[in-house]
Amino acid sequence: MKLFYSTYSSQFEEFTIVWYETKSGVRIQRIFLSEEKNKSETKMRKYYPTIKTSNTEVIITIGEKIQQFLLGEEIQFELELLDFSVCYEIQKEVILAEYEIPRGWVSTYARIANHIGITNGARVVGNALAKNPFPIIIPCHRAIRSDGTLGGYQGGLSMKRLLLEMEGINFQKNGKVQNRKFYY
């Protein structure tokens, strides 16, 4: 399997999509988000030092949809292009549960854990989402801590907060999520 990458600009710096082609079509293996001091291509090169850049219509379309999402547009992503073989079993369960959280809603790591049957599994969920290979397509910014604080995010906490605000989530002065729409 020969991997390629495509990098796109956005209001949150750049993001990079790692992908490959199969006989049945394109599959996305990973998406990297930039942070303030760590660009997506730099992150990607740590995992894939010899990868080459390329593009296809399918990846261009996904890149454009991610750009639109990052501008605050309501975009529903499909899962058929994602290569879930890069996920461990529990991570895939967490990611699929996270995918179901609607725009304008949040859930907590503990609620997600309870939903998928992991007793006292908030940390398991948090770790699975911290390594989410498909941020944005899998909206892991919608998971927060039980105390209302943001937790972590691959693109940084300011990006997580802005994404939530674009979806209508309000914050208290102390930075905690002020929301009545909790999923699960």
Protein backbone atom coordinates (compact mmCIF):
# COMPACT_ATOMS: atom_id res chain seq x y z
CA MET A 1 0.00 0.00 0.00
CA LYS A 2 1.47 3.33 -1.10
CA LEU A 3 0.52 6.28 1.10
CA PHE A 4 0.16 9.89 -0.02
CA TYR A 5 -0.62 13.13 1.73
CA SER A 6 -2.47 16.31 0.87
CA THR A 7 -2.27 19.50 2.92
CA TYR A 8 -4.91 22.22 2.99
CA SER A 9 -5.08 25.64 4.58
CA SER A 10 -7.81 26.73 6.96
CA GLN A 11 -8.50 29.43 9.50
CA PHE A 12 -6.85 27.07 12.00
CA GLU A 13 -3.58 26.87 10.11
CA GLU A 14 -3.18 23.82 7.89
CA PHE A 15 -4.40 20.24 8.12
CA THR A 16 -2.97 17.19 6.39
CA ILE A 17 -4.79 14.13 5.09
CA VAL A 18 -2.87 10.85 4.71
CA TRP A 19 -4.53 8.51 2.25
CA TYR A 20 -4.09 5.63 -0.17
CA GLU A 21 -5.92 4.09 -3.11
CA THR A 22 -7.37 0.60 -3.32
CA LYS A 23 -9.23 -1.16 -6.11
CA SER A 24 -12.46 -0.11 -4.39
CA GLY A 25 -11.43 3.53 -3.98
CA VAL A 26 -9.61 6.00 -1.76
CA ARG A 27 -9.15 5.38 1.97
CA ILE A 28 -8.12 7.96 4.55
CA GLN A 29 -5.60 6.63 7.02
CA ARG A 30 -5.05 9.72 9.12
CA ILE A 31 -5.75 13.44 9.45
CA PHE A 32 -3.31 15.73 11.22
CA LEU A 33 -4.29 19.11 12.65
CA SER A 34 -1.85 21.94 13.22
CA GLU A 35 -1.25 23.38 16.64
CA GLU A 36 0.18 26.78 17.40
CA LYS A 37 3.80 25.63 17.31
CA ASN A 38 3.48 22.29 15.51
CA LYS A 39 2.24 22.25 11.92
CA SER A 40 0.30 19.30 10.55
CA GLU A 41 2.96 18.36 7.98
CA THR A 42 5.62 18.34 10.71
CA LYS A 43 3.48 15.99 12.81
CA MET A 44 2.78 13.80 9.78
CA ARG A 45 6.47 13.48 8.88
CA LYS A 46 7.18 11.92 12.30
CA TYR A 47 4.96 8.98 11.34
CA TYR A 48 5.57 8.92 7.59
CA PRO A 49 9.05 10.34 6.85
CA THR A 50 9.21 9.24 3.18
CA ILE A 51 5.61 9.89 2.12
CA LYS A 52 4.93 11.84 -1.09
CA THR A 53 2.31 14.48 -1.77
CA SER A 54 -0.48 13.84 -4.24
CA ASN A 55 -4.19 14.50 -4.76
CA THR A 56 -7.34 12.98 -6.17
CA GLU A 57 -10.82 14.40 -6.68
CA VAL A 58 -12.10 12.46 -3.66
CA ILE A 59 -9.43 13.89 -1.36
CA ILE A 60 -9.87 17.39 -2.77
CA THR A 61 -13.60 17.14 -2.00
CA ILE A 62 -12.93 15.93 1.56
CA GLY A 63 -10.34 18.69 2.03
CA GLU A 64 -12.89 21.29 0.90
CA LYS A 65 -15.56 19.86 3.21
CA ILE A 66 -13.15 20.03 6.16
CA GLN A 67 -12.33 23.64 5.23
CA GLN A 68 -16.06 24.47 5.16
CA PHE A 69 -16.56 22.76 8.53
CA LEU A 70 -13.69 24.77 10.00
CA LEU A 71 -15.43 27.94 8.82
CA GLY A 72 -18.48 26.95 10.87
CA GLU A 73 -20.62 25.39 8.17
CA GLU A 74 -22.74 22.39 9.04
CA ILE A 75 -21.15 19.47 7.23
CA GLN A 76 -22.06 15.81 7.71
CA PHE A 77 -19.14 13.54 6.91
CA GLU A 78 -19.53 9.95 5.77
CA LEU A 79 -17.42 7.19 7.28
CA GLU A 80 -16.95 5.01 4.21
CA LEU A 81 -13.56 6.53 3.31
CA LEU A 82 -12.01 6.00 6.74
CA ASP A 83 -9.53 3.17 7.26
CA PHE A 84 -10.59 1.90 10.68
CA SER A 85 -7.85 -0.76 10.62
CA VAL A 86 -5.56 1.87 12.16
CA CYS A 87 -7.75 1.87 15.30
CA TYR A 88 -7.65 -0.62 18.13
CA GLU A 89 -11.01 -2.24 18.94
CA ILE A 90 -12.09 -0.06 21.88
CA GLN A 91 -10.89 3.06 20.08
CA LYS A 92 -13.12 2.23 17.13
CA GLU A 93 -16.12 1.86 19.49
CA VAL A 94 -15.29 5.22 21.09
CA ILE A 95 -14.85 6.92 17.72
CA LEU A 96 -18.14 5.57 16.38
CA ALA A 97 -19.94 6.76 19.54
CA GLU A 98 -18.30 10.17 19.21
CA TYR A 99 -19.39 10.38 15.57
CA GLU A 100 -23.03 10.13 16.71
CA ILE A 101 -22.87 13.29 18.87
CA PRO A 102 -24.83 15.91 16.90
CA ARG A 103 -23.68 19.42 16.10
CA GLY A 104 -24.48 21.77 19.00
CA TRP A 105 -24.29 19.00 21.59
CA VAL A 106 -21.45 17.75 23.79
CA SER A 107 -20.86 14.64 25.80
CA THR A 108 -18.39 13.77 28.50
CA TYR A 109 -15.71 11.13 28.41
CA ALA A 110 -17.59 9.33 31.22
CA ARG A 111 -20.95 9.42 29.41
CA ILE A 112 -19.40 8.00 26.27
CA ALA A 113 -17.70 5.27 28.31
CA ASN A 114 -20.99 4.35 29.97
CA HIS A 115 -22.76 4.35 26.61
CA ILE A 116 -20.36 1.80 25.14
CA GLY A 117 -20.26 -0.27 28.34
CA ILE A 118 -16.91 0.62 29.86
CA THR A 119 -17.38 1.04 33.61
CA ASN A 120 -15.25 3.88 35.01
CA GLY A 121 -13.86 4.30 31.50
CA ALA A 122 -13.53 8.06 31.15
CA ARG A 123 -9.75 7.80 30.88
CA VAL A 124 -10.03 5.03 28.26
CA VAL A 125 -12.32 7.25 26.18
CA GLY A 126 -10.06 10.28 26.64
CA ASN A 127 -7.01 8.30 25.53
CA ALA A 128 -8.84 6.87 22.52
CA LEU A 129 -9.95 10.34 21.42
CA ALA A 130 -6.50 11.82 22.04
CA LYS A 131 -5.27 9.43 19.35
CA ASN A 132 -8.30 9.83 17.07
CA PRO A 133 -6.83 9.35 13.59
CA PHE A 134 -9.72 11.24 11.95
CA PRO A 135 -10.27 14.55 13.80
CA ILE A 136 -12.97 16.79 12.33
CA ILE A 137 -14.58 13.89 10.42
CA ILE A 138 -14.97 12.26 13.85
CA PRO A 139 -15.94 15.37 15.87
CA CYS A 140 -13.88 14.63 18.98
CA HIS A 141 -14.04 18.31 19.94
CA ARG A 142 -17.55 17.51 21.23
CA ALA A 143 -16.22 15.44 24.15
CA ILE A 144 -15.42 17.28 27.38
CA ARG A 145 -14.61 16.44 30.99
CA SER A 146 -17.40 15.80 33.49
CA ASP A 147 -16.55 19.03 35.33
CA GLY A 148 -17.26 21.08 32.17
CA THR A 149 -13.63 21.79 31.28
CA LEU A 150 -12.46 21.07 27.77
CA GLY A 151 -9.98 18.27 28.33
CA GLY A 152 -7.56 17.95 25.43
CA TYR A 153 -7.61 18.31 21.67
CA GLN A 154 -5.16 17.53 18.88
CA GLY A 155 -5.51 20.98 17.37
CA GLY A 156 -5.11 22.72 20.74
CA LEU A 157 -7.67 23.94 23.25
CA SER A 158 -8.29 27.29 21.55
CA MET A 159 -9.30 25.45 18.37
CA LYS A 160 -11.56 23.11 20.38
CA ARG A 161 -13.27 26.03 22.07
CA LEU A 162 -13.76 27.93 18.79
CA LEU A 163 -15.21 24.85 17.10
CA LEU A 164 -17.68 24.42 19.96
CA GLU A 165 -18.58 28.11 19.89
CA MET A 166 -19.24 27.88 16.13
CA GLU A 167 -21.70 25.09 16.95
CA GLY A 168 -23.53 27.28 19.47
CA ILE A 169 -21.93 25.99 22.66
CA ASN A 170 -21.61 28.68 25.33
CA PHE A 171 -18.93 29.02 27.96
CA GLN A 172 -18.94 30.34 31.50
CA LYS A 173 -16.47 33.05 32.51
CA ASN A 174 -14.29 30.37 34.13
CA GLY A 175 -13.92 28.62 30.74
CA LYS A 176 -16.23 25.71 31.47
CA VAL A 177 -18.85 24.60 28.99
CA GLN A 178 -22.27 25.98 29.78
CA ASN A 179 -24.59 23.67 27.96
CA ARG A 180 -27.84 21.80 28.50
CA LYS A 181 -27.47 19.58 25.46
CA PHE A 182 -25.54 16.57 26.72
CA TYR A 183 -25.59 13.50 24.54
CA TYR A 184 -25.74 9.97 26.00
